[in-house]
Amino acid sequence: MTEVRRLIGMVQYYRDFWPKRLHMLKPFTAVSSGKKGTKIKWTPELETAFKATILNMVCTETLLNYPDSSKPLDIHTDASDYQLGAAISQEGKPIAFYSRKLNNSQVWN
């Protein structure tokens, strides 16, 4: 269940890059609405949704583009107690991604 929720979170975080994301996530949100710790049965429908839709979208839509210095950039950032992340985009297309795990002295307790 945790892995499916992480997948949903990742797709939602990059929502500006992936159109029709709710349609892509429908099979996963249906199975993730159960109690925490519930095991999910990986069905052919989930396999198809993952490989044909989400994996394909990640591989094609997130290819990096060259920036145009005459246009504004959008910077999306996120942080948790253990990790930092950012994405730079221009006109809805990704330019760069950044992710870094914090070391023990940087972790917020």
N, C-alpha and C. Protein backbone atom coordinates (compact mmCIF):
# COMPACT_ATOMS: atom_id res chain seq x y z
N MET A 1 0.83 -1.19 0.00
CA MET A 1 0.00 0.00 0.00
C MET A 1 0.87 1.25 0.00
N THR A 2 1.97 1.24 0.75
CA THR A 2 2.85 2.40 0.85
C THR A 2 3.44 2.76 -0.51
N GLU A 3 3.86 1.75 -1.27
CA GLU A 3 4.45 2.00 -2.57
C GLU A 3 3.45 2.62 -3.54
N VAL A 4 2.21 2.16 -3.49
CA VAL A 4 1.17 2.72 -4.36
C VAL A 4 0.90 4.17 -3.99
N ARG A 5 0.85 4.46 -2.70
CA ARG A 5 0.64 5.85 -2.27
C ARG A 5 1.82 6.74 -2.66
N ARG A 6 3.03 6.21 -2.63
CA ARG A 6 4.19 6.98 -3.09
C ARG A 6 4.09 7.28 -4.58
N LEU A 7 3.66 6.29 -5.35
CA LEU A 7 3.48 6.49 -6.78
C LEU A 7 2.45 7.58 -7.05
N ILE A 8 1.33 7.54 -6.35
CA ILE A 8 0.30 8.56 -6.49
C ILE A 8 0.85 9.93 -6.12
N GLY A 9 1.61 10.00 -5.05
CA GLY A 9 2.21 11.27 -4.62
C GLY A 9 3.18 11.82 -5.64
N MET A 10 3.99 10.94 -6.25
CA MET A 10 4.94 11.40 -7.26
C MET A 10 4.23 11.96 -8.48
N VAL A 11 3.21 11.27 -8.94
CA VAL A 11 2.47 11.74 -10.11
C VAL A 11 1.77 13.06 -9.78
N GLN A 12 1.21 13.18 -8.59
CA GLN A 12 0.54 14.42 -8.20
C GLN A 12 1.54 15.56 -8.06
N TYR A 13 2.75 15.29 -7.58
CA TYR A 13 3.76 16.34 -7.42
C TYR A 13 4.15 16.94 -8.78
N TYR A 14 4.26 16.10 -9.79
CA TYR A 14 4.62 16.57 -11.13
C TYR A 14 3.39 16.80 -11.99
N ARG A 15 2.29 17.19 -11.37
CA ARG A 15 1.01 17.37 -12.06
C ARG A 15 1.08 18.37 -13.20
N ASP A 16 1.97 19.36 -13.12
CA ASP A 16 2.07 20.35 -14.19
C ASP A 16 2.65 19.75 -15.47
N PHE A 17 3.36 18.63 -15.36
CA PHE A 17 4.00 18.03 -16.52
C PHE A 17 3.13 16.95 -17.17
N TRP A 18 2.20 16.36 -16.41
CA TRP A 18 1.45 15.23 -16.93
C TRP A 18 -0.03 15.52 -17.00
N PRO A 19 -0.54 15.75 -18.20
CA PRO A 19 -1.98 15.95 -18.34
C PRO A 19 -2.73 14.63 -18.12
N LYS A 20 -3.97 14.72 -17.76
CA LYS A 20 -4.84 13.55 -17.55
C LYS A 20 -4.31 12.63 -16.46
N ARG A 21 -3.65 13.19 -15.47
CA ARG A 21 -3.06 12.35 -14.43
C ARG A 21 -4.11 11.63 -13.59
N LEU A 22 -5.28 12.25 -13.37
CA LEU A 22 -6.31 11.60 -12.58
C LEU A 22 -6.82 10.35 -13.29
N HIS A 23 -6.90 10.41 -14.60
CA HIS A 23 -7.30 9.25 -15.39
C HIS A 23 -6.25 8.14 -15.26
N MET A 24 -4.97 8.52 -15.27
CA MET A 24 -3.89 7.55 -15.14
C MET A 24 -3.91 6.89 -13.76
N LEU A 25 -4.24 7.67 -12.74
CA LEU A 25 -4.16 7.19 -11.36
C LEU A 25 -5.41 6.45 -10.89
N LYS A 26 -6.47 6.47 -11.66
CA LYS A 26 -7.74 5.89 -11.21
C LYS A 26 -7.61 4.46 -10.68
N PRO A 27 -6.94 3.53 -11.39
CA PRO A 27 -6.83 2.17 -10.84
C PRO A 27 -6.05 2.12 -9.52
N PHE A 28 -5.10 3.03 -9.34
CA PHE A 28 -4.28 3.02 -8.13
C PHE A 28 -5.01 3.66 -6.95
N THR A 29 -5.75 4.73 -7.21
CA THR A 29 -6.50 5.36 -6.11
C THR A 29 -7.62 4.45 -5.64
N ALA A 30 -8.17 3.63 -6.54
CA ALA A 30 -9.23 2.70 -6.14
C ALA A 30 -8.72 1.65 -5.15
N VAL A 31 -7.49 1.16 -5.36
CA VAL A 31 -6.96 0.13 -4.46
C VAL A 31 -6.26 0.70 -3.24
N SER A 32 -5.91 1.98 -3.26
CA SER A 32 -5.18 2.55 -2.12
C SER A 32 -6.10 3.16 -1.07
N SER A 33 -7.39 3.07 -1.26
CA SER A 33 -8.31 3.69 -0.31
C SER A 33 -8.59 2.81 0.91
N GLY A 34 -7.96 1.65 0.97
CA GLY A 34 -8.16 0.74 2.10
C GLY A 34 -7.38 1.16 3.32
N LYS A 35 -7.45 0.32 4.35
CA LYS A 35 -6.73 0.59 5.59
C LYS A 35 -5.23 0.50 5.38
N LYS A 36 -4.50 1.27 6.19
CA LYS A 36 -3.04 1.26 6.12
C LYS A 36 -2.55 -0.15 6.46
N GLY A 37 -1.58 -0.62 5.68
CA GLY A 37 -1.03 -1.94 5.91
C GLY A 37 -1.74 -3.04 5.13
N THR A 38 -2.82 -2.71 4.45
CA THR A 38 -3.54 -3.69 3.66
C THR A 38 -2.71 -4.06 2.43
N LYS A 39 -2.64 -5.35 2.14
CA LYS A 39 -1.90 -5.80 0.96
C LYS A 39 -2.74 -5.58 -0.29
N ILE A 40 -2.07 -5.17 -1.35
CA ILE A 40 -2.75 -4.91 -2.62
C ILE A 40 -2.46 -6.06 -3.57
N LYS A 41 -3.51 -6.54 -4.21
CA LYS A 41 -3.34 -7.59 -5.22
C LYS A 41 -3.02 -6.90 -6.55
N TRP A 42 -1.85 -7.20 -7.08
CA TRP A 42 -1.39 -6.57 -8.33
C TRP A 42 -2.09 -7.28 -9.49
N THR A 43 -3.09 -6.63 -10.05
CA THR A 43 -3.91 -7.21 -11.11
C THR A 43 -3.36 -6.84 -12.49
N PRO A 44 -3.83 -7.52 -13.53
CA PRO A 44 -3.43 -7.13 -14.89
C PRO A 44 -3.81 -5.68 -15.22
N GLU A 45 -4.92 -5.21 -14.66
CA GLU A 45 -5.33 -3.82 -14.88
C GLU A 45 -4.30 -2.85 -14.30
N LEU A 46 -3.80 -3.15 -13.09
CA LEU A 46 -2.77 -2.30 -12.48
C LEU A 46 -1.47 -2.38 -13.27
N GLU A 47 -1.12 -3.57 -13.73
CA GLU A 47 0.10 -3.74 -14.51
C GLU A 47 0.04 -2.92 -15.80
N THR A 48 -1.10 -2.99 -16.48
CA THR A 48 -1.28 -2.22 -17.71
C THR A 48 -1.25 -0.73 -17.43
N ALA A 49 -1.94 -0.31 -16.38
CA ALA A 49 -1.96 1.11 -16.03
C ALA A 49 -0.56 1.61 -15.70
N PHE A 50 0.22 0.79 -15.03
CA PHE A 50 1.57 1.20 -14.66
C PHE A 50 2.50 1.24 -15.87
N LYS A 51 2.56 0.15 -16.62
CA LYS A 51 3.51 0.06 -17.73
C LYS A 51 3.11 0.91 -18.93
N ALA A 52 1.86 0.80 -19.34
CA ALA A 52 1.43 1.46 -20.57
C ALA A 52 1.14 2.94 -20.37
N THR A 53 0.78 3.32 -19.17
CA THR A 53 0.37 4.70 -18.97
C THR A 53 1.40 5.49 -18.18
N ILE A 54 1.61 5.14 -16.94
CA ILE A 54 2.47 5.94 -16.06
C ILE A 54 3.94 5.83 -16.48
N LEU A 55 4.43 4.63 -16.67
CA LEU A 55 5.83 4.45 -17.04
C LEU A 55 6.12 5.12 -18.39
N ASN A 56 5.21 4.98 -19.32
CA ASN A 56 5.36 5.62 -20.62
C ASN A 56 5.37 7.14 -20.47
N MET A 57 4.50 7.68 -19.64
CA MET A 57 4.43 9.12 -19.43
C MET A 57 5.72 9.64 -18.79
N VAL A 58 6.22 8.93 -17.80
CA VAL A 58 7.45 9.34 -17.13
C VAL A 58 8.61 9.34 -18.12
N CYS A 59 8.68 8.33 -18.96
CA CYS A 59 9.80 8.21 -19.90
C CYS A 59 9.75 9.21 -21.04
N THR A 60 8.57 9.61 -21.45
CA THR A 60 8.48 10.51 -22.60
C THR A 60 8.27 11.96 -22.23
N GLU A 61 7.40 12.23 -21.28
CA GLU A 61 7.04 13.60 -20.97
C GLU A 61 8.07 14.33 -20.11
N THR A 62 8.90 13.59 -19.40
CA THR A 62 9.85 14.26 -18.53
C THR A 62 11.23 14.39 -19.15
N LEU A 63 11.33 14.16 -20.46
CA LEU A 63 12.62 14.42 -21.10
C LEU A 63 12.93 15.90 -20.96
N LEU A 64 14.15 16.19 -20.62
CA LEU A 64 14.52 17.58 -20.35
C LEU A 64 14.57 18.39 -21.64
N ASN A 65 14.18 19.64 -21.51
CA ASN A 65 14.18 20.57 -22.63
C ASN A 65 15.25 21.62 -22.42
N TYR A 66 15.63 22.29 -23.49
CA TYR A 66 16.59 23.38 -23.38
C TYR A 66 15.85 24.64 -22.95
N PRO A 67 16.44 25.41 -22.02
CA PRO A 67 15.78 26.64 -21.59
C PRO A 67 15.91 27.74 -22.64
N ASP A 68 14.94 28.64 -22.63
CA ASP A 68 14.95 29.83 -23.48
C ASP A 68 15.11 31.02 -22.56
N SER A 69 16.24 31.70 -22.64
CA SER A 69 16.55 32.79 -21.70
C SER A 69 15.60 33.99 -21.84
N SER A 70 14.83 34.05 -22.91
CA SER A 70 13.90 35.16 -23.08
C SER A 70 12.55 34.90 -22.41
N LYS A 71 12.36 33.69 -21.86
CA LYS A 71 11.08 33.33 -21.22
C LYS A 71 11.31 33.05 -19.74
N PRO A 72 10.27 33.27 -18.91
CA PRO A 72 10.43 33.04 -17.46
C PRO A 72 10.50 31.54 -17.13
N LEU A 73 11.17 31.26 -16.02
CA LEU A 73 11.29 29.90 -15.52
C LEU A 73 10.36 29.73 -14.32
N ASP A 74 9.84 28.53 -14.13
CA ASP A 74 9.05 28.18 -12.95
C ASP A 74 9.87 27.22 -12.11
N ILE A 75 9.97 27.50 -10.82
CA ILE A 75 10.72 26.64 -9.92
C ILE A 75 9.75 26.04 -8.91
N HIS A 76 9.70 24.71 -8.86
CA HIS A 76 8.84 23.99 -7.93
C HIS A 76 9.75 23.31 -6.92
N THR A 77 9.53 23.56 -5.64
CA THR A 77 10.39 22.96 -4.62
C THR A 77 9.55 22.16 -3.63
N ASP A 78 10.21 21.23 -2.97
CA ASP A 78 9.57 20.43 -1.94
C ASP A 78 10.65 19.96 -0.98
N ALA A 79 10.27 19.80 0.27
CA ALA A 79 11.23 19.33 1.27
C ALA A 79 10.49 18.52 2.32
N SER A 80 11.16 17.54 2.84
CA SER A 80 10.64 16.79 3.98
C SER A 80 11.71 16.85 5.06
N ASP A 81 11.50 16.12 6.12
CA ASP A 81 12.50 16.09 7.18
C ASP A 81 13.78 15.40 6.74
N TYR A 82 13.74 14.66 5.64
CA TYR A 82 14.87 13.83 5.23
C TYR A 82 15.40 14.08 3.82
N GLN A 83 14.68 14.87 3.01
CA GLN A 83 15.08 15.01 1.62
C GLN A 83 14.63 16.35 1.05
N LEU A 84 15.37 16.83 0.04
CA LEU A 84 15.03 18.05 -0.68
C LEU A 84 14.78 17.70 -2.14
N GLY A 85 13.89 18.44 -2.79
CA GLY A 85 13.63 18.19 -4.19
C GLY A 85 13.21 19.47 -4.89
N ALA A 86 13.49 19.55 -6.18
CA ALA A 86 13.10 20.72 -6.95
C ALA A 86 12.98 20.33 -8.43
N ALA A 87 12.18 21.10 -9.13
CA ALA A 87 12.05 20.95 -10.58
C ALA A 87 11.97 22.34 -11.18
N ILE A 88 12.71 22.56 -12.24
CA ILE A 88 12.67 23.84 -12.96
C ILE A 88 12.00 23.55 -14.29
N SER A 89 11.00 24.36 -14.62
CA SER A 89 10.28 24.16 -15.87
C SER A 89 10.09 25.49 -16.59
N GLN A 90 9.75 25.38 -17.85
CA GLN A 90 9.48 26.56 -18.66
C GLN A 90 8.34 26.19 -19.61
N GLU A 91 7.28 26.96 -19.54
CA GLU A 91 6.08 26.71 -20.34
C GLU A 91 5.57 25.28 -20.14
N GLY A 92 5.62 24.79 -18.90
CA GLY A 92 5.12 23.47 -18.58
C GLY A 92 6.02 22.31 -18.97
N LYS A 93 7.21 22.59 -19.47
CA LYS A 93 8.14 21.53 -19.87
C LYS A 93 9.34 21.55 -18.93
N PRO A 94 9.77 20.37 -18.45
CA PRO A 94 10.87 20.32 -17.48
C PRO A 94 12.21 20.70 -18.09
N ILE A 95 12.97 21.48 -17.32
CA ILE A 95 14.33 21.87 -17.71
C ILE A 95 15.35 21.10 -16.88
N ALA A 96 15.08 20.98 -15.57
CA ALA A 96 16.02 20.30 -14.68
C ALA A 96 15.28 19.76 -13.46
N PHE A 97 15.83 18.68 -12.89
CA PHE A 97 15.32 18.10 -11.65
C PHE A 97 16.47 18.06 -10.65
N TYR A 98 16.13 18.16 -9.37
CA TYR A 98 17.13 18.07 -8.32
C TYR A 98 16.52 17.31 -7.16
N SER A 99 17.28 16.40 -6.58
CA SER A 99 16.83 15.68 -5.41
C SER A 99 18.06 15.32 -4.59
N ARG A 100 17.94 15.48 -3.27
CA ARG A 100 19.08 15.17 -2.42
C ARG A 100 18.59 14.69 -1.07
N LYS A 101 19.16 13.60 -0.61
CA LYS A 101 18.86 13.09 0.71
C LYS A 101 19.72 13.84 1.71
N LEU A 102 19.13 14.24 2.83
CA LEU A 102 19.88 14.96 3.87
C LEU A 102 20.72 13.98 4.68
N ASN A 103 21.91 14.43 5.11
CA ASN A 103 22.74 13.57 5.96
C ASN A 103 22.26 13.69 7.41
N ASN A 104 22.84 12.90 8.29
CA ASN A 104 22.37 12.84 9.68
C ASN A 104 22.41 14.19 10.40
N SER A 105 23.40 15.01 10.10
CA SER A 105 23.49 16.31 10.78
C SER A 105 22.49 17.33 10.21
N GLN A 106 21.92 17.07 9.04
CA GLN A 106 20.96 17.98 8.43
C GLN A 106 19.51 17.58 8.64
N VAL A 107 19.28 16.36 9.10
CA VAL A 107 17.91 15.86 9.29
C VAL A 107 17.24 16.65 10.39
N TRP A 108 16.00 17.07 10.12
CA TRP A 108 15.22 17.84 11.09
C TRP A 108 14.50 16.89 12.01
N ASN A 109 14.80 16.97 13.29
CA ASN A 109 14.14 16.09 14.27
C ASN A 109 13.15 16.84 15.09
